[in-house]
Protein backbone atom coordinates (compact mmCIF):
# COMPACT_ATOMS: atom_id res chain seq x y z
CA MET A 1 -6.97 74.18 44.61
CA THR A 2 -8.65 71.40 46.49
CA ARG A 3 -6.81 68.30 47.65
CA LEU A 4 -8.42 66.37 44.83
CA ASP A 5 -7.22 68.99 42.33
CA GLU A 6 -3.71 68.67 43.75
CA ARG A 7 -3.80 64.88 43.39
CA LEU A 8 -5.12 65.10 39.85
CA ALA A 9 -2.46 67.65 38.94
CA GLU A 10 0.20 65.22 40.20
CA VAL A 11 -1.27 62.42 38.06
CA LEU A 12 -1.20 64.66 34.99
CA LEU A 13 2.34 65.78 35.71
CA ARG A 14 3.45 62.14 35.87
CA GLN A 15 1.74 61.52 32.52
CA VAL A 16 3.78 64.21 30.80
CA ARG A 17 7.07 64.04 32.66
CA GLY A 18 10.00 64.49 30.30
CA MET A 19 7.92 65.94 27.46
CA THR A 20 8.13 69.38 25.97
CA PRO A 21 5.15 71.60 26.79
CA ARG A 22 3.81 71.17 23.23
CA GLN A 23 4.09 67.38 23.44
CA ALA A 24 2.46 67.37 26.87
CA VAL A 25 -0.52 69.41 25.72
CA ARG A 26 -1.00 67.21 22.65
CA VAL A 27 -0.89 64.02 24.74
CA LEU A 28 -3.33 65.39 27.30
CA LEU A 29 -5.71 66.50 24.53
CA GLU A 30 -5.50 63.13 22.79
CA GLU A 31 -6.18 61.33 26.07
CA GLY A 32 -9.22 63.52 26.73
CA MET A 33 -7.70 64.99 29.88
CA ILE A 34 -8.14 68.60 28.78
CA ASP A 35 -11.56 70.19 28.35
CA ARG A 36 -11.67 70.92 24.60
CA ARG A 37 -14.74 73.12 24.91
CA ALA A 38 -13.07 75.32 27.51
CA CYS A 39 -10.01 75.60 25.27
CA GLU A 40 -12.20 76.49 22.30
CA ARG A 41 -14.00 79.20 24.29
CA LEU A 42 -10.65 80.64 25.36
CA ALA A 43 -9.30 80.58 21.79
CA ILE A 44 -12.45 82.29 20.48
CA ARG A 45 -12.28 84.98 23.18
CA GLU A 46 -8.61 85.63 22.51
CA GLU A 47 -9.18 85.86 18.76
CA ILE A 48 -12.04 88.34 19.20
CA GLN A 49 -9.94 90.47 21.54
CA GLN A 50 -7.06 90.43 19.06
CA LEU A 51 -9.33 91.56 16.23
CA GLN A 52 -10.72 94.33 18.40
CA LYS A 53 -7.17 95.55 19.13
CA GLN A 54 -6.72 95.78 15.36
CA GLY A 55 -9.72 98.11 15.21
CA ILE A 56 -12.39 95.65 14.08
CA PRO A 57 -15.72 96.30 15.82
CA ARG A 58 -16.86 93.54 18.16
CA CYS A 59 -19.86 92.38 16.12
CA GLU A 60 -17.74 92.11 13.00
CA ALA A 61 -15.08 90.26 15.00
CA PHE A 62 -17.76 87.74 16.03
CA GLU A 63 -18.49 87.12 12.35
CA VAL A 64 -14.82 86.72 11.42
CA VAL A 65 -14.16 84.37 14.33
CA ALA A 66 -17.29 82.32 13.66
CA GLU A 67 -16.07 81.69 10.14
CA LYS A 68 -12.52 80.97 11.26
CA PHE A 69 -13.64 78.46 13.91
CA CYS A 70 -16.41 77.00 11.73
CA CYS A 71 -19.05 77.83 14.30
CA SER A 72 -22.10 80.03 14.53
CA TYR A 73 -22.05 83.73 15.30
CA GLU A 74 -24.06 82.91 18.41
CA LYS A 75 -21.44 80.42 19.62
CA ALA A 76 -18.68 83.01 19.18
CA ARG A 77 -20.78 85.62 20.96
CA ASN A 78 -21.61 83.22 23.78
CA ALA A 79 -17.95 82.25 24.22
CA PHE A 80 -17.03 85.92 24.48
CA TYR A 81 -19.73 86.98 26.93
CA ASN A 82 -19.90 83.75 28.98
CA PRO A 83 -16.27 82.74 29.35
CA SER A 84 -16.70 80.00 31.94
CA LYS A 85 -19.35 77.33 31.75
CA ASN A 86 -19.44 74.60 34.37
């Protein structure tokens, strides 16, 4: 982490001090301090991986996840193959 990252982390920690982890995440999301798109990509990737563990082929998992997340097949595919976008 950079010095700036460390300072920002301290600011965020002060924002959520005394809260449960669930409360802290909700507050940070509501305040726009968490990257929703990054969270969505992670959730999509995790869901696809979970479906694959259940024996569902990857392309079919993309379809299931796209419907579940109300997004396009291409968005699900992109989230899976391109996990980090800056």
